[in-house]
Structures are given as structure tokens and as C-alpha cells.
PDB file of N, CA and C in Angstrom:
ATOM      1  N   MET A   1     149.655 137.316 -26.862  1.00  0.00           N
ATOM      2  CA  MET A   1     149.823 136.410 -27.641  1.00  0.00           C
ATOM      3  C   MET A   1     151.293 136.264 -28.462  1.00  0.00           C
ATOM      4  N   THR A   2     151.874 135.322 -28.275  1.00  0.00           N
ATOM      5  CA  THR A   2     153.114 135.116 -29.057  1.00  0.00           C
ATOM      6  C   THR A   2     152.950 133.903 -29.941  1.00  0.00           C
ATOM      7  N   LEU A   3     153.695 134.222 -31.372  1.00  0.00           N
ATOM      8  CA  LEU A   3     153.096 133.259 -32.372  1.00  0.00           C
ATOM      9  C   LEU A   3     154.430 132.613 -32.537  1.00  0.00           C
ATOM     10  N   THR A   4     154.241 131.104 -32.594  1.00  0.00           N
ATOM     11  CA  THR A   4     155.443 130.241 -32.939  1.00  0.00           C
ATOM     12  C   THR A   4     156.142 130.702 -34.404  1.00  0.00           C
ATOM     13  N   GLN A   5     157.400 130.091 -34.366  1.00  0.00           N
ATOM     14  CA  GLN A   5     157.651 130.148 -35.853  1.00  0.00           C
ATOM     15  C   GLN A   5     156.767 129.494 -36.866  1.00  0.00           C
ATOM     16  N   ASP A   6     156.278 128.465 -36.694  1.00  0.00           N
ATOM     17  CA  ASP A   6     155.471 127.898 -37.758  1.00  0.00           C
ATOM     18  C   ASP A   6     154.146 128.994 -37.801  1.00  0.00           C
ATOM     19  N   GLN A   7     153.832 129.333 -37.371  1.00  0.00           N
ATOM     20  CA  GLN A   7     152.651 130.451 -37.317  1.00  0.00           C
ATOM     21  C   GLN A   7     152.868 131.483 -37.946  1.00  0.00           C
ATOM     22  N   ARG A   8     153.955 132.043 -37.587  1.00  0.00           N
ATOM     23  CA  ARG A   8     154.415 133.315 -38.199  1.00  0.00           C
ATOM     24  C   ARG A   8     154.578 132.782 -39.940  1.00  0.00           C
ATOM     25  N   ILE A   9     155.413 131.788 -40.366  1.00  0.00           N
ATOM     26  CA  ILE A   9     155.825 131.458 -41.705  1.00  0.00           C
ATOM     27  C   ILE A   9     154.604 131.033 -42.179  1.00  0.00           C
ATOM     28  N   ALA A  10     153.330 130.417 -41.647  1.00  0.00           N
ATOM     29  CA  ALA A  10     152.114 130.299 -42.025  1.00  0.00           C
ATOM     30  C   ALA A  10     151.409 131.601 -42.590  1.00  0.00           C
ATOM     31  N   ILE A  11     151.504 132.619 -41.848  1.00  0.00           N
ATOM     32  CA  ILE A  11     150.904 134.004 -41.995  1.00  0.00           C
ATOM     33  C   ILE A  11     151.592 134.687 -43.186  1.00  0.00           C
ATOM     34  N   ILE A  12     152.987 134.628 -43.194  1.00  0.00           N
ATOM     35  CA  ILE A  12     153.558 135.311 -44.263  1.00  0.00           C
ATOM     36  C   ILE A  12     153.380 134.337 -45.521  1.00  0.00           C
ATOM     37  N   LYS A  13     153.464 133.293 -45.588  1.00  0.00           N
ATOM     38  CA  LYS A  13     153.126 132.242 -46.675  1.00  0.00           C
ATOM     39  C   LYS A  13     151.698 132.825 -47.254  1.00  0.00           C
ATOM     40  N   HIS A  14     150.479 132.988 -46.292  1.00  0.00           N
ATOM     41  CA  HIS A  14     149.416 133.409 -46.663  1.00  0.00           C
ATOM     42  C   HIS A  14     149.242 134.521 -47.371  1.00  0.00           C
ATOM     43  N   ALA A  15     150.056 135.333 -47.086  1.00  0.00           N
ATOM     44  CA  ALA A  15     150.137 137.021 -47.315  1.00  0.00           C
ATOM     45  C   ALA A  15     150.794 136.873 -48.799  1.00  0.00           C
ATOM     46  N   ALA A  16     151.703 136.035 -48.886  1.00  0.00           N
ATOM     47  CA  ALA A  16     152.528 136.141 -50.050  1.00  0.00           C
ATOM     48  C   ALA A  16     151.656 135.630 -51.234  1.00  0.00           C
ATOM     49  N   GLU A  17     150.725 134.413 -50.895  1.00  0.00           N
ATOM     50  CA  GLU A  17     149.915 133.912 -51.925  1.00  0.00           C
ATOM     51  C   GLU A  17     148.509 134.728 -52.434  1.00  0.00           C
ATOM     52  N   SER A  18     148.155 135.575 -51.179  1.00  0.00           N
ATOM     53  CA  SER A  18     147.118 136.387 -51.336  1.00  0.00           C
ATOM     54  C   SER A  18     147.553 137.527 -52.348  1.00  0.00           C
ATOM     55  N   SER A  19     148.760 138.115 -52.198  1.00  0.00           N
ATOM     56  CA  SER A  19     149.193 139.210 -52.859  1.00  0.00           C
ATOM     57  C   SER A  19     149.224 138.857 -54.368  1.00  0.00           C
ATOM     58  N   GLN A  20     149.824 137.445 -54.719  1.00  0.00           N
ATOM     59  CA  GLN A  20     149.873 137.052 -56.239  1.00  0.00           C
ATOM     60  C   GLN A  20     148.698 136.933 -56.629  1.00  0.00           C
ATOM     61  N   LYS A  21     147.259 137.184 -55.839  1.00  0.00           N
ATOM     62  CA  LYS A  21     146.319 136.721 -56.885  1.00  0.00           C
ATOM     63  C   LYS A  21     145.375 137.938 -56.980  1.00  0.00           C
ATOM     64  N   VAL A  22     146.068 139.220 -56.653  1.00  0.00           N
ATOM     65  CA  VAL A  22     145.427 140.537 -56.930  1.00  0.00           C
ATOM     66  C   VAL A  22     145.817 140.702 -58.303  1.00  0.00           C
ATOM     67  N   SER A  23     144.588 140.899 -59.045  1.00  0.00           N
ATOM     68  CA  SER A  23     144.768 141.292 -60.558  1.00  0.00           C
ATOM     69  C   SER A  23     144.705 142.962 -60.768  1.00  0.00           C
ATOM     70  N   ALA A  24     145.258 143.355 -61.830  1.00  0.00           N
ATOM     71  CA  ALA A  24     145.166 144.695 -62.057  1.00  0.00           C
ATOM     72  C   ALA A  24     144.190 145.177 -62.448  1.00  0.00           C
ATOM     73  N   THR A  25     143.340 146.403 -62.054  1.00  0.00           N
ATOM     74  CA  THR A  25     142.266 146.917 -62.566  1.00  0.00           C
ATOM     75  C   THR A  25     142.441 147.056 -63.916  1.00  0.00           C
ATOM     76  N   LYS A  26     141.194 147.693 -64.506  1.00  0.00           N
ATOM     77  CA  LYS A  26     141.251 148.066 -65.873  1.00  0.00           C
ATOM     78  C   LYS A  26     141.924 149.226 -66.153  1.00  0.00           C
ATOM     79  N   SER A  27     142.112 150.297 -65.284  1.00  0.00           N
ATOM     80  CA  SER A  27     142.613 151.718 -65.393  1.00  0.00           C
ATOM     81  C   SER A  27     144.039 151.435 -65.115  1.00  0.00           C
ATOM     82  N   VAL A  28     144.457 150.638 -64.637  1.00  0.00           N
ATOM     83  CA  VAL A  28     145.783 150.335 -64.326  1.00  0.00           C
ATOM     84  C   VAL A  28     146.436 149.461 -65.439  1.00  0.00           C
ATOM     85  N   ALA A  29     145.953 148.471 -65.916  1.00  0.00           N
ATOM     86  CA  ALA A  29     146.124 147.763 -67.256  1.00  0.00           C
ATOM     87  C   ALA A  29     146.070 149.038 -68.349  1.00  0.00           C
ATOM     88  N   ASP A  30     145.279 149.754 -68.304  1.00  0.00           N
ATOM     89  CA  ASP A  30     145.414 150.567 -69.651  1.00  0.00           C
ATOM     90  C   ASP A  30     146.481 151.578 -69.451  1.00  0.00           C
ATOM     91  N   PHE A  31     146.772 151.878 -68.290  1.00  0.00           N
ATOM     92  CA  PHE A  31     147.875 152.849 -68.120  1.00  0.00           C
ATOM     93  C   PHE A  31     149.320 152.304 -68.458  1.00  0.00           C
ATOM     94  N   ILE A  32     149.399 151.057 -68.027  1.00  0.00           N
ATOM     95  CA  ILE A  32     150.629 150.243 -68.329  1.00  0.00           C
ATOM     96  C   ILE A  32     150.588 149.854 -69.979  1.00  0.00           C
ATOM     97  N   GLU A  33     149.456 149.637 -70.348  1.00  0.00           N
ATOM     98  CA  GLU A  33     149.543 149.606 -71.885  1.00  0.00           C
ATOM     99  C   GLU A  33     149.957 151.076 -72.737  1.00  0.00           C
ATOM    100  N   GLU A  34     149.557 151.847 -72.178  1.00  0.00           N
ATOM    101  CA  GLU A  34     150.147 153.329 -72.758  1.00  0.00           C
ATOM    102  C   GLU A  34     151.361 153.675 -72.506  1.00  0.00           C
ATOM    103  N   ILE A  35     151.956 153.248 -71.498  1.00  0.00           N
ATOM    104  CA  ILE A  35     153.420 153.269 -71.296  1.00  0.00           C
ATOM    105  C   ILE A  35     154.308 152.340 -72.092  1.00  0.00           C
ATOM    106  N   LYS A  36     153.825 151.123 -72.353  1.00  0.00           N
ATOM    107  CA  LYS A  36     154.296 150.335 -73.223  1.00  0.00           C
ATOM    108  C   LYS A  36     154.265 150.890 -74.632  1.00  0.00           C
ATOM    109  N   THR A  37     153.213 151.301 -74.988  1.00  0.00           N
ATOM    110  CA  THR A  37     153.064 151.767 -76.468  1.00  0.00           C
ATOM    111  C   THR A  37     153.908 153.060 -76.525  1.00  0.00           C
ATOM    112  N   GLU A  38     153.950 153.936 -75.748  1.00  0.00           N
ATOM    113  CA  GLU A  38     154.923 155.044 -75.687  1.00  0.00           C
ATOM    114  C   GLU A  38     156.578 154.457 -75.949  1.00  0.00           C
ATOM    115  N   GLU A  39     156.867 153.440 -74.929  1.00  0.00           N
ATOM    116  CA  GLU A  39     158.192 152.958 -75.090  1.00  0.00           C
ATOM    117  C   GLU A  39     158.557 152.575 -76.705  1.00  0.00           C
ATOM    118  N   VAL A  40     157.590 151.850 -77.343  1.00  0.00           N
ATOM    119  CA  VAL A  40     157.941 151.272 -78.454  1.00  0.00           C
ATOM    120  C   VAL A  40     157.848 152.163 -79.472  1.00  0.00           C
ATOM    121  N   LEU A  41     156.850 153.200 -79.462  1.00  0.00           N
ATOM    122  CA  LEU A  41     157.122 154.250 -80.314  1.00  0.00           C
ATOM    123  C   LEU A  41     158.185 155.008 -80.353  1.00  0.00           C
ATOM    124  N   GLY A  42     158.699 155.344 -78.968  1.00  0.00           N
ATOM    125  CA  GLY A  42     159.918 156.068 -78.747  1.00  0.00           C
ATOM    126  C   GLY A  42     161.080 155.486 -79.220  1.00  0.00           C
ATOM    127  N   GLU A  43     161.321 154.147 -79.064  1.00  0.00           N
ATOM    128  CA  GLU A  43     162.191 153.469 -79.519  1.00  0.00           C
ATOM    129  C   GLU A  43     162.506 153.068 -81.121  1.00  0.00           C
ATOM    130  N   HIS A  44     161.253 152.866 -81.530  1.00  0.00           N
ATOM    131  CA  HIS A  44     161.049 152.203 -83.034  1.00  0.00           C
ATOM    132  C   HIS A  44     160.563 153.376 -83.954  1.00  0.00           C
ATOM    133  N   GLY A  45     159.704 154.246 -83.430  1.00  0.00           N
ATOM    134  CA  GLY A  45     159.005 155.248 -84.182  1.00  0.00           C
ATOM    135  C   GLY A  45     157.550 154.524 -84.598  1.00  0.00           C
ATOM    136  N   LEU A  46     157.119 155.146 -85.839  1.00  0.00           N
ATOM    137  CA  LEU A  46     155.875 154.397 -86.470  1.00  0.00           C
ATOM    138  C   LEU A  46     156.212 153.001 -87.013  1.00  0.00           C
ATOM    139  N   LEU A  47     155.561 152.271 -86.790  1.00  0.00           N
ATOM    140  CA  LEU A  47     155.825 150.734 -87.318  1.00  0.00           C
ATOM    141  C   LEU A  47     154.967 150.511 -88.645  1.00  0.00           C
ATOM    142  N   ASP A  48     155.680 150.551 -89.757  1.00  0.00           N
ATOM    143  CA  ASP A  48     154.737 150.345 -91.131  1.00  0.00           C
ATOM    144  C   ASP A  48     153.936 151.516 -91.152  1.00  0.00           C
ATOM    145  N   ALA A  49     154.243 152.611 -91.228  1.00  0.00           N
ATOM    146  CA  ALA A  49     153.506 153.595 -91.308  1.00  0.00           C
ATOM    147  C   ALA A  49     153.129 153.749 -92.857  1.00  0.00           C
ATOM    148  N   GLN A  50     151.860 153.921 -93.144  1.00  0.00           N
ATOM    149  CA  GLN A  50     151.376 153.986 -94.429  1.00  0.00           C
ATOM    150  C   GLN A  50     151.102 155.617 -94.925  1.00  0.00           C
ATOM    151  N   ASP A  51     151.234 155.783 -96.094  1.00  0.00           N
ATOM    152  CA  ASP A  51     151.317 157.079 -96.388  1.00  0.00           C
ATOM    153  C   ASP A  51     149.972 157.955 -95.995  1.00  0.00           C
ATOM    154  N   TYR A  52     148.813 157.148 -96.081  1.00  0.00           N
ATOM    155  CA  TYR A  52     147.324 157.617 -95.431  1.00  0.00           C
ATOM    156  C   TYR A  52     147.369 157.994 -94.006  1.00  0.00           C
ATOM    157  N   ASP A  53     148.175 157.244 -93.333  1.00  0.00           N
ATOM    158  CA  ASP A  53     148.397 157.320 -91.853  1.00  0.00           C
ATOM    159  C   ASP A  53     149.026 158.566 -91.737  1.00  0.00           C
ATOM    160  N   ILE A  54     150.178 158.964 -92.457  1.00  0.00           N
ATOM    161  CA  ILE A  54     150.767 160.158 -92.130  1.00  0.00           C
ATOM    162  C   ILE A  54     149.830 161.549 -92.627  1.00  0.00           C
ATOM    163  N   GLN A  55     149.130 161.128 -93.828  1.00  0.00           N
ATOM    164  CA  GLN A  55     148.413 162.367 -94.117  1.00  0.00           C
ATOM    165  C   GLN A  55     147.285 162.585 -93.108  1.00  0.00           C
ATOM    166  N   ASP A  56     146.735 161.406 -92.540  1.00  0.00           N
ATOM    167  CA  ASP A  56     145.759 161.535 -91.296  1.00  0.00           C
ATOM    168  C   ASP A  56     146.135 162.150 -90.069  1.00  0.00           C
ATOM    169  N   GLU A  57     147.286 162.013 -89.906  1.00  0.00           N
ATOM    170  CA  GLU A  57     147.996 162.667 -88.565  1.00  0.00           C
ATOM    171  C   GLU A  57     148.297 163.967 -89.053  1.00  0.00           C
ATOM    172  N   ALA A  58     148.724 164.381 -90.175  1.00  0.00           N
ATOM    173  CA  ALA A  58     149.297 165.765 -90.675  1.00  0.00           C
ATOM    174  C   ALA A  58     147.743 166.845 -90.538  1.00  0.00           C
ATOM    175  N   SER A  59     146.653 166.058 -91.036  1.00  0.00           N
ATOM    176  CA  SER A  59     145.347 166.700 -91.197  1.00  0.00           C
ATOM    177  C   SER A  59     145.091 167.433 -89.509  1.00  0.00           C
ATOM    178  N   LEU A  60     145.599 166.757 -88.740  1.00  0.00           N
ATOM    179  CA  LEU A  60     145.326 167.189 -87.305  1.00  0.00           C
ATOM    180  C   LEU A  60     145.892 168.645 -86.749  1.00  0.00           C
ATOM    181  N   PHE A  61     147.107 168.813 -87.545  1.00  0.00           N
ATOM    182  CA  PHE A  61     147.675 170.131 -87.083  1.00  0.00           C
ATOM    183  C   PHE A  61     147.322 171.082 -87.912  1.00  0.00           C
ATOM    184  N   ASP A  62     146.676 172.183 -87.157  1.00  0.00           N
ATOM    185  CA  ASP A  62     146.239 173.546 -87.907  1.00  0.00           C
ATOM    186  C   ASP A  62     147.542 174.396 -87.977  1.00  0.00           C
ATOM    187  N   TYR A  63     147.778 174.829 -89.206  1.00  0.00           N
ATOM    188  CA  TYR A  63     148.526 176.025 -89.582  1.00  0.00           C
ATOM    189  C   TYR A  63     148.107 177.163 -89.952  1.00  0.00           C
ATOM    190  N   SER A  64     148.195 178.353 -88.918  1.00  0.00           N
ATOM    191  CA  SER A  64     147.980 179.627 -89.107  1.00  0.00           C
ATOM    192  C   SER A  64     148.937 180.565 -89.392  1.00  0.00           C
ATOM    193  N   PRO A  65     149.297 181.087 -90.591  1.00  0.00           N
ATOM    194  CA  PRO A  65     150.522 181.850 -90.534  1.00  0.00           C
ATOM    195  C   PRO A  65     150.175 183.182 -89.782  1.00  0.00           C
ATOM    196  N   ASN A  66     149.084 183.523 -89.422  1.00  0.00           N
ATOM    197  CA  ASN A  66     148.749 184.857 -88.668  1.00  0.00           C
ATOM    198  C   ASN A  66     149.174 184.582 -87.245  1.00  0.00           C
ATOM    199  N   ALA A  67     149.370 183.261 -86.728  1.00  0.00           N
ATOM    200  CA  ALA A  67     149.952 183.092 -85.316  1.00  0.00           C
ATOM    201  C   ALA A  67     151.465 183.632 -85.245  1.00  0.00           C
ATOM    202  N   GLU A  68     152.021 183.386 -86.568  1.00  0.00           N
ATOM    203  CA  GLU A  68     153.415 183.717 -86.338  1.00  0.00           C
ATOM    204  C   GLU A  68     153.895 185.149 -86.445  1.00  0.00           C
ATOM    205  N   SER A  69     152.761 185.954 -86.701  1.00  0.00           N
ATOM    206  CA  SER A  69     152.941 187.432 -86.795  1.00  0.00           C
ATOM    207  C   SER A  69     152.720 188.051 -85.473  1.00  0.00           C
ATOM    208  N   ILE A  70     151.906 187.482 -84.576  1.00  0.00           N
ATOM    209  CA  ILE A  70     151.639 187.646 -83.283  1.00  0.00           C
ATOM    210  C   ILE A  70     152.972 187.502 -82.425  1.00  0.00           C
ATOM    211  N   ASP A  71     153.355 188.666 -81.843  1.00  0.00           N
ATOM    212  CA  ASP A  71     154.331 188.729 -80.710  1.00  0.00           C
ATOM    213  C   ASP A  71     153.891 188.882 -79.375  1.00  0.00           C
ATOM    214  N   GLU A  72     153.628 188.042 -78.578  1.00  0.00           N
ATOM    215  CA  GLU A  72     153.024 187.878 -77.272  1.00  0.00           C
ATOM    216  C   GLU A  72     154.043 188.878 -76.253  1.00  0.00           C
ATOM    217  N   GLU A  73     155.021 189.247 -76.793  1.00  0.00           N
ATOM    218  CA  GLU A  73     155.928 189.930 -75.843  1.00  0.00           C
ATOM    219  C   GLU A  73     155.642 191.500 -75.841  1.00  0.00           C
ATOM    220  N   ASP A  74     155.049 191.730 -77.234  1.00  0.00           N
ATOM    221  CA  ASP A  74     154.535 193.030 -77.624  1.00  0.00           C
ATOM    222  C   ASP A  74     153.239 193.455 -76.844  1.00  0.00           C
ATOM    223  N   LEU A  75     152.518 192.358 -76.535  1.00  0.00           N
ATOM    224  CA  LEU A  75     151.002 192.636 -75.998  1.00  0.00           C
ATOM    225  C   LEU A  75     151.083 193.219 -74.532  1.00  0.00           C
ATOM    226  N   GLU A  76     150.370 194.320 -74.031  1.00  0.00           N
ATOM    227  CA  GLU A  76     150.222 194.599 -72.826  1.00  0.00           C
ATOM    228  C   GLU A  76     149.497 193.650 -71.873  1.00  0.00           C
ATOM    229  N   ILE A  77     149.694 193.356 -70.983  1.00  0.00           N
ATOM    230  CA  ILE A  77     148.711 192.475 -70.154  1.00  0.00           C
ATOM    231  C   ILE A  77     148.050 193.446 -69.243  1.00  0.00           C
ATOM    232  N   GLY A  78     146.807 193.397 -69.069  1.00  0.00           N
ATOM    233  CA  GLY A  78     145.905 194.388 -68.270  1.00  0.00           C
ATOM    234  C   GLY A  78     146.098 193.555 -66.658  1.00  0.00           C
ATOM    235  N   ILE A  79     146.409 194.505 -65.967  1.00  0.00           N
ATOM    236  CA  ILE A  79     146.618 194.088 -64.476  1.00  0.00           C
ATOM    237  C   ILE A  79     145.315 194.686 -63.575  1.00  0.00           C
ATOM    238  N   SER A  80     144.952 194.132 -62.673  1.00  0.00           N
ATOM    239  CA  SER A  80     143.834 194.692 -61.898  1.00  0.00           C
ATOM    240  C   SER A  80     144.291 195.354 -61.132  1.00  0.00           C
ATOM    241  N   ASP A  81     143.448 196.628 -60.304  1.00  0.00           N
ATOM    242  CA  ASP A  81     143.887 197.460 -59.433  1.00  0.00           C
ATOM    243  C   ASP A  81     144.523 196.599 -58.179  1.00  0.00           C
ATOM    244  N   GLU A  82     143.882 195.417 -57.657  1.00  0.00           N
ATOM    245  CA  GLU A  82     144.326 194.559 -56.539  1.00  0.00           C
ATOM    246  C   GLU A  82     145.965 194.338 -56.851  1.00  0.00           C
ATOM    247  N   MET A  83     145.997 193.825 -58.079  1.00  0.00           N
ATOM    248  CA  MET A  83     147.257 193.263 -58.468  1.00  0.00           C
ATOM    249  C   MET A  83     148.469 194.415 -58.422  1.00  0.00           C
ATOM    250  N   LYS A  84     148.015 195.689 -59.004  1.00  0.00           N
ATOM    251  CA  LYS A  84     148.936 196.728 -59.137  1.00  0.00           C
ATOM    252  C   LYS A  84     149.182 197.187 -57.719  1.00  0.00           C
ATOM    253  N   GLY A  85     148.504 197.026 -56.700  1.00  0.00           N
ATOM    254  CA  GLY A  85     148.990 197.531 -55.332  1.00  0.00           C
ATOM    255  C   GLY A  85     149.654 196.351 -54.813  1.00  0.00           C
ATOM    256  N   LEU A  86     149.838 195.017 -55.231  1.00  0.00           N
ATOM    257  CA  LEU A  86     150.783 194.378 -54.789  1.00  0.00           C
ATOM    258  C   LEU A  86     152.214 194.845 -55.376  1.00  0.00           C
ATOM    259  N   TYR A  87     152.259 195.129 -56.399  1.00  0.00           N
ATOM    260  CA  TYR A  87     153.671 195.394 -57.065  1.00  0.00           C
ATOM    261  C   TYR A  87     154.109 196.999 -56.998  1.00  0.00           C
ATOM    262  N   SER A  88     153.402 197.649 -56.161  1.00  0.00           N
ATOM    263  CA  SER A  88     154.023 199.171 -55.911  1.00  0.00           C
ATOM    264  C   SER A  88     154.244 199.175 -54.843  1.00  0.00           C
TER     265      SER A  88
END
């Protein structure tokens, strides 16, 4: 079956109209919102940040002076016998 030019144009028109009716799902809309927020914060930083906002965010950081005294490169990592066989 060969379509006429008018039939092909009608099919394309219908496909174009149908594609414009598709709306973004909630997860896609949330993802776009998150990306836009990151762009704004990256470009402008915190907008109208109040002192209590900064203190609230700072309270989320854990500071442990003991963590700085651990040198992970000095720790010996145990290797199983199976892994030792791969490297010998």
C-alpha cells in the first residue's frame, strides 16, 4: 500500500500533535527541578542566606580530630588466600 503525499502529511501532523500532548512524569519533573536548582545555586550561591540557615547546615558536618590522625596508607589491608594466589 502506497500512501499519498496528503496521507503522509496527515500522519506526520498527527504524530507531531500527539508528541506535544505528552506531559512529563513526576519523577522527570522532579529531576528537572533538581537540575535547575543546582544551576541557580552554582551560579548565584545561597540566595538571602540567614545566619540560622548557615548554622543549621554547619551542624550537619561532623568534625572529628581523630580522623585526621589516621593515615590510611599506613594501615595494612588483609588479603585473602585466594587473592594472594592471583598476585604471586
